[in-house]
Amino acid sequence: MQIKPLSMGIAAGIVFCLISAAFDVFVGHLNQRLDPAILIIYCFIISTLIFFSVSITKNRERYIQKAKNNIPLLLLINFSVMLNWGGLILSLKYLEPAVVGIASVACGPAITIVISRYFIKQASSQNKSETIIAWIILFGVMVMLANSYFGKSGIADTSYFERTMGIIYVICSAIGTVLYTFYSKNLSNQGWMPYEILGFRNILMLASAMLYCFYNGTNLIPAQNLLIILLLLAVIGHVIPILLIQYAIKSLEPIHVSMLLLLLPIFTLAFQYFDHRVAISIESILAVLLITVLLCLLCLTKIYKKRIA
Protein backbone atom coordinates (compact mmCIF):
# COMPACT_ATOMS: atom_id res chain seq x y z
CA MET A 1 0.00 0.00 0.00
CA GLN A 2 1.38 3.39 -1.02
CA ILE A 3 2.03 6.03 1.61
CA LYS A 4 -0.12 8.75 0.03
CA PRO A 5 -3.42 6.76 -0.16
CA LEU A 6 -2.78 5.44 3.35
CA SER A 7 -2.25 8.93 4.77
CA MET A 8 -5.32 10.26 2.97
CA GLY A 9 -7.38 7.37 4.27
CA ILE A 10 -6.31 8.03 7.87
CA ALA A 11 -6.93 11.78 7.54
CA ALA A 12 -10.37 11.18 6.01
CA GLY A 13 -11.23 8.80 8.85
CA ILE A 14 -10.23 11.29 11.54
CA VAL A 15 -12.25 14.14 10.00
CA PHE A 16 -15.17 11.75 9.62
CA CYS A 17 -15.04 10.97 13.34
CA LEU A 18 -14.94 14.68 14.21
CA ILE A 19 -17.96 15.64 12.09
CA SER A 20 -19.89 12.48 12.99
CA ALA A 21 -19.43 13.13 16.71
CA ALA A 22 -21.02 16.58 16.36
CA PHE A 23 -23.74 15.02 14.17
CA ASP A 24 -24.53 12.34 16.79
CA VAL A 25 -24.87 14.87 19.60
CA PHE A 26 -27.09 17.19 17.58
CA VAL A 27 -29.26 14.35 16.27
CA GLY A 28 -29.74 13.05 19.81
CA HIS A 29 -31.09 16.48 20.74
CA LEU A 30 -33.15 16.88 17.55
CA ASN A 31 -34.77 13.45 17.93
CA GLN A 32 -36.63 14.73 20.98
CA ARG A 33 -38.60 17.12 18.73
CA LEU A 34 -38.69 15.25 15.42
CA ASP A 35 -39.53 11.74 14.21
CA PRO A 36 -36.18 10.05 13.34
CA ALA A 37 -37.71 8.77 10.08
CA ILE A 38 -37.98 12.33 8.78
CA LEU A 39 -34.33 12.96 9.52
CA ILE A 40 -33.42 9.73 7.70
CA ILE A 41 -35.46 10.74 4.63
CA TYR A 42 -33.88 14.19 4.30
CA CYS A 43 -30.32 12.96 4.85
CA PHE A 44 -30.57 9.96 2.56
CA ILE A 45 -32.56 11.46 -0.30
CA ILE A 46 -30.16 14.42 -0.60
CA SER A 47 -27.03 12.23 -0.47
CA THR A 48 -28.49 9.72 -2.94
CA LEU A 49 -29.44 12.42 -5.44
CA ILE A 50 -26.03 14.09 -5.20
CA PHE A 51 -23.87 10.98 -5.60
CA PHE A 52 -26.13 9.24 -8.12
CA SER A 53 -26.17 12.38 -10.29
CA VAL A 54 -22.37 12.66 -10.16
CA SER A 55 -21.96 8.99 -11.11
CA ILE A 56 -24.48 9.15 -13.96
CA THR A 57 -22.91 12.34 -15.33
CA LYS A 58 -19.45 10.80 -15.49
CA ASN A 59 -20.43 7.60 -17.32
CA ARG A 60 -24.09 6.58 -17.43
CA GLU A 61 -23.85 3.32 -19.38
CA ARG A 62 -20.84 2.02 -17.46
CA TYR A 63 -22.38 2.92 -14.11
CA ILE A 64 -25.71 1.19 -14.81
CA GLN A 65 -23.93 -1.89 -16.17
CA LYS A 66 -21.70 -2.12 -13.09
CA ALA A 67 -24.79 -1.94 -10.91
CA LYS A 68 -26.51 -4.75 -12.85
CA ASN A 69 -23.43 -6.93 -12.48
CA ASN A 70 -23.32 -6.41 -8.70
CA ILE A 71 -26.98 -6.51 -7.64
CA PRO A 72 -26.49 -9.11 -4.83
CA LEU A 73 -23.59 -7.13 -3.34
CA LEU A 74 -25.49 -3.84 -3.62
CA LEU A 75 -28.44 -5.42 -1.78
CA LEU A 76 -26.10 -6.52 1.02
CA ILE A 77 -24.65 -3.01 1.20
CA ASN A 78 -28.15 -1.53 1.42
CA PHE A 79 -29.07 -3.96 4.19
CA SER A 80 -25.92 -3.11 6.15
CA VAL A 81 -26.71 0.63 5.78
CA MET A 82 -30.17 -0.01 7.27
CA LEU A 83 -28.56 -1.69 10.27
CA ASN A 84 -25.83 0.93 10.58
CA TRP A 85 -27.64 4.25 10.14
CA GLY A 86 -31.08 3.09 11.24
CA GLY A 87 -29.66 1.67 14.45
CA LEU A 88 -27.53 4.76 15.03
CA ILE A 89 -30.26 7.37 14.63
CA LEU A 90 -32.85 5.41 16.62
CA SER A 91 -30.45 4.60 19.48
CA LEU A 92 -29.61 8.31 19.88
CA LYS A 93 -33.21 8.89 20.94
CA TYR A 94 -32.77 6.76 24.08
CA LEU A 95 -29.08 6.57 24.97
CA GLU A 96 -26.30 8.99 25.84
CA PRO A 97 -24.47 10.10 22.64
CA ALA A 98 -21.07 9.01 23.98
CA VAL A 99 -22.46 5.56 24.80
CA VAL A 100 -23.88 5.27 21.29
CA GLY A 101 -20.59 6.49 19.79
CA ILE A 102 -18.58 3.98 21.79
CA ALA A 103 -20.85 0.97 21.30
CA SER A 104 -21.49 1.57 17.58
CA VAL A 105 -17.80 1.48 16.68
CA ALA A 106 -15.96 -0.16 19.58
CA CYS A 107 -17.58 -3.53 18.87
CA GLY A 108 -16.19 -3.25 15.35
CA PRO A 109 -12.75 -4.83 15.82
CA ALA A 110 -14.10 -7.96 17.53
CA ILE A 111 -16.95 -8.32 15.02
CA THR A 112 -14.46 -7.78 12.19
CA ILE A 113 -12.28 -10.61 13.51
CA VAL A 114 -15.23 -12.99 13.76
CA ILE A 115 -16.47 -12.16 10.26
CA SER A 116 -13.02 -12.37 8.66
CA ARG A 117 -12.28 -15.67 10.40
CA TYR A 118 -15.56 -17.52 9.84
CA PHE A 119 -17.59 -15.79 7.12
CA ILE A 120 -15.59 -13.58 4.72
CA LYS A 121 -12.39 -15.55 4.23
CA GLN A 122 -10.74 -13.14 1.80
CA ALA A 123 -10.50 -10.44 4.46
CA SER A 124 -7.04 -9.68 5.82
CA SER A 125 -5.88 -11.51 8.94
CA GLN A 126 -5.21 -9.76 12.25
CA ASN A 127 -2.18 -10.12 14.46
CA LYS A 128 -2.32 -11.30 18.07
CA SER A 129 -2.17 -7.83 19.65
CA GLU A 130 -5.08 -6.58 17.52
CA THR A 131 -7.13 -9.62 18.49
CA ILE A 132 -6.49 -9.27 22.23
CA ILE A 133 -7.25 -5.53 22.24
CA ALA A 134 -10.43 -6.06 20.21
CA TRP A 135 -11.87 -8.56 22.68
CA ILE A 136 -10.94 -6.43 25.70
CA ILE A 137 -12.75 -3.48 24.11
CA LEU A 138 -15.81 -5.62 23.41
CA PHE A 139 -15.94 -6.70 27.05
CA GLY A 140 -15.74 -3.06 28.12
CA VAL A 141 -18.63 -2.18 25.81
CA MET A 142 -20.80 -4.91 27.34
CA VAL A 143 -20.12 -3.54 30.83
CA MET A 144 -20.89 0.00 29.64
CA LEU A 145 -24.21 -1.05 28.07
CA ALA A 146 -25.15 -2.85 31.28
CA ASN A 147 -24.47 0.37 33.20
CA SER A 148 -26.65 2.30 30.74
CA TYR A 149 -29.47 -0.20 31.20
CA PHE A 150 -29.44 0.41 34.96
CA GLY A 151 -29.38 4.19 34.46
CA LYS A 152 -25.68 4.77 35.19
CA SER A 153 -25.00 7.12 32.27
CA GLY A 154 -25.39 10.75 31.24
CA ILE A 155 -29.09 10.21 30.36
CA ALA A 156 -31.03 8.41 33.09
CA ASP A 157 -34.59 9.73 32.67
CA THR A 158 -35.61 7.02 30.17
CA SER A 159 -37.52 3.81 30.99
CA TYR A 160 -35.98 0.34 31.10
CA PHE A 161 -37.85 -0.53 27.90
CA GLU A 162 -36.46 2.53 26.09
CA ARG A 163 -32.92 1.72 27.24
CA THR A 164 -33.35 -1.87 26.08
CA MET A 165 -34.48 -0.71 22.65
CA GLY A 166 -31.59 1.75 22.54
CA ILE A 167 -29.11 -1.05 23.30
CA ILE A 168 -30.62 -3.29 20.61
CA TYR A 169 -30.49 -0.47 18.07
CA VAL A 170 -26.86 0.39 18.83
CA ILE A 171 -25.79 -3.27 18.54
CA CYS A 172 -27.49 -3.40 15.13
CA SER A 173 -25.58 -0.24 14.20
CA ALA A 174 -22.26 -1.83 15.20
CA ILE A 175 -22.93 -4.96 13.13
CA GLY A 176 -24.04 -2.85 10.17
CA THR A 177 -20.88 -0.73 10.37
CA VAL A 178 -18.62 -3.77 10.05
CA LEU A 179 -20.70 -5.46 7.34
CA TYR A 180 -20.75 -2.25 5.31
CA THR A 181 -16.98 -1.95 5.59
CA PHE A 182 -16.49 -5.46 4.19
CA TYR A 183 -19.04 -5.22 1.37
CA SER A 184 -17.98 -1.71 0.38
CA LYS A 185 -14.33 -2.79 0.34
CA ASN A 186 -15.33 -5.58 -2.02
CA LEU A 187 -16.87 -3.11 -4.46
CA SER A 188 -13.85 -0.81 -4.17
CA ASN A 189 -11.59 -3.73 -5.11
CA GLN A 190 -13.72 -4.20 -8.24
CA GLY A 191 -13.04 -0.64 -9.35
CA TRP A 192 -16.01 1.21 -7.89
CA MET A 193 -15.31 4.81 -6.94
CA PRO A 194 -16.55 6.05 -3.53
CA TYR A 195 -19.21 8.35 -5.05
CA GLU A 196 -20.47 5.46 -7.22
CA ILE A 197 -21.09 3.27 -4.17
CA LEU A 198 -22.81 6.14 -2.37
CA GLY A 199 -25.20 6.58 -5.29
CA PHE A 200 -26.79 3.16 -4.71
CA ARG A 201 -26.25 2.35 -1.04
CA ASN A 202 -29.20 4.24 0.51
CA ILE A 203 -32.14 3.02 -1.59
CA LEU A 204 -33.45 0.37 0.80
CA MET A 205 -33.10 2.63 3.83
CA LEU A 206 -34.85 5.49 2.08
CA ALA A 207 -37.70 3.27 0.87
CA SER A 208 -38.24 1.87 4.37
CA ALA A 209 -38.40 5.34 5.95
CA MET A 210 -40.83 6.55 3.28
CA LEU A 211 -43.13 3.55 3.83
CA TYR A 212 -43.01 4.12 7.59
CA CYS A 213 -44.01 7.78 7.21
CA PHE A 214 -46.74 6.93 4.71
CA TYR A 215 -48.18 4.22 6.98
CA ASN A 216 -48.17 6.49 10.04
CA GLY A 217 -49.35 9.60 8.20
CA THR A 218 -46.21 11.51 9.18
CA ASN A 219 -45.91 15.05 7.81
CA LEU A 220 -42.70 15.20 5.75
CA ILE A 221 -42.53 19.00 5.72
CA PRO A 222 -41.66 20.33 9.20
CA ALA A 223 -41.72 23.95 10.36
CA GLN A 224 -39.49 26.33 8.38
CA ASN A 225 -36.82 26.60 11.07
CA LEU A 226 -36.55 22.80 11.31
CA LEU A 227 -36.52 22.48 7.51
CA ILE A 228 -33.42 24.68 7.22
CA ILE A 229 -31.74 22.71 10.01
CA LEU A 230 -32.55 19.40 8.28
CA LEU A 231 -31.11 20.58 4.95
CA LEU A 232 -27.88 21.81 6.57
CA LEU A 233 -27.62 18.66 8.65
CA ALA A 234 -28.09 16.48 5.59
CA VAL A 235 -25.21 18.12 3.73
CA ILE A 236 -22.73 18.90 6.51
CA GLY A 237 -23.54 16.05 8.86
CA HIS A 238 -24.28 13.29 6.37
CA VAL A 239 -23.11 13.86 2.79
CA ILE A 240 -19.59 15.04 3.66
CA PRO A 241 -18.89 12.40 6.36
CA ILE A 242 -20.07 9.42 4.28
CA LEU A 243 -17.82 10.55 1.43
CA LEU A 244 -14.89 10.81 3.84
CA ILE A 245 -15.42 7.36 5.36
CA GLN A 246 -15.85 5.88 1.89
CA TYR A 247 -12.36 7.10 0.96
CA ALA A 248 -11.02 5.70 4.24
CA ILE A 249 -12.57 2.30 3.47
CA LYS A 250 -11.04 2.38 -0.01
CA SER A 251 -7.55 3.13 1.36
CA LEU A 252 -7.44 1.00 4.53
CA GLU A 253 -8.03 -2.60 5.59
CA PRO A 254 -11.34 -3.37 7.43
CA ILE A 255 -9.69 -4.04 10.80
CA HIS A 256 -7.83 -0.72 10.63
CA VAL A 257 -11.03 1.15 9.68
CA SER A 258 -12.67 -0.36 12.77
CA MET A 259 -9.75 0.73 14.95
CA LEU A 260 -9.71 4.25 13.48
CA LEU A 261 -13.43 4.67 14.17
CA LEU A 262 -12.70 4.26 17.87
CA LEU A 263 -11.73 7.95 17.84
CA LEU A 264 -15.42 8.78 17.39
CA PRO A 265 -16.39 8.33 21.07
CA ILE A 266 -13.61 10.67 22.20
CA PHE A 267 -14.98 13.52 20.09
CA THR A 268 -18.57 12.64 21.02
CA LEU A 269 -17.79 12.79 24.72
CA ALA A 270 -16.30 16.25 24.27
CA PHE A 271 -19.28 17.58 22.30
CA GLN A 272 -22.18 15.97 24.15
CA TYR A 273 -22.09 18.26 27.18
CA PHE A 274 -23.38 21.08 24.98
CA ASP A 275 -26.70 19.18 25.16
CA HIS A 276 -28.52 20.13 28.37
CA ARG A 277 -30.06 16.63 28.61
CA VAL A 278 -26.68 15.01 29.21
CA ALA A 279 -25.17 14.96 32.67
CA ILE A 280 -21.54 14.15 33.43
CA SER A 281 -21.11 10.38 33.66
CA ILE A 282 -18.00 8.88 35.26
CA GLU A 283 -18.80 5.52 33.64
CA SER A 284 -18.81 7.03 30.14
CA ILE A 285 -15.61 8.98 30.76
CA LEU A 286 -13.83 5.84 32.04
CA ALA A 287 -15.00 3.86 29.00
CA VAL A 288 -13.55 6.47 26.61
CA LEU A 289 -10.30 6.59 28.58
CA LEU A 290 -10.01 2.79 28.41
CA ILE A 291 -10.45 2.83 24.63
CA THR A 292 -7.91 5.64 24.28
CA VAL A 293 -5.34 3.69 26.29
CA LEU A 294 -5.93 0.58 24.19
CA LEU A 295 -5.55 2.59 20.98
CA CYS A 296 -2.27 4.06 22.20
CA LEU A 297 -1.08 0.56 23.09
CA LEU A 298 -2.01 -0.66 19.63
CA CYS A 299 -0.12 2.20 17.96
CA LEU A 300 3.00 1.54 20.04
CA THR A 301 2.83 -2.15 19.14
CA LYS A 302 2.63 -1.38 15.44
CA ILE A 303 5.54 1.08 15.63
CA TYR A 304 7.66 -1.49 17.47
CA LYS A 305 6.89 -4.27 14.98
CA LYS A 306 7.65 -1.97 12.06
CA ARG A 307 11.06 -1.10 13.52
CA ILE A 308 12.09 -4.72 14.08
CA ALA A 309 10.71 -5.92 10.72
Foldseek 3Di string as FASTA:
>chain_A
DDPVLQVLLLVLLLVLLQLQLLLLLVLLVVVVPDPLLLLLQLLQVVLLVVLLVVVCVVPVVVLVVLCVVCVVLLVLLLVLCCLAVVLSSLLSPQFQSLLLLLLLQLLQLQLLQVCCVPPVVVADHDDPLSNVLSVVLVVLNVVLLVCVLVQQFQARPDDNVSSVSSVVSSNSSNNSVLSNLVSLLVVLVVPDDLSSSSNRRNPVVNVVSVVVCVVVVNDSDDPPVVVVVSNVCSVSNRNSSSSSNSSSSSSDGSSVSSLSSLCNSVSNVVNNVVDVNTDDGPSSVVSNVSSVVSSVVVVVVVVVVVVVD
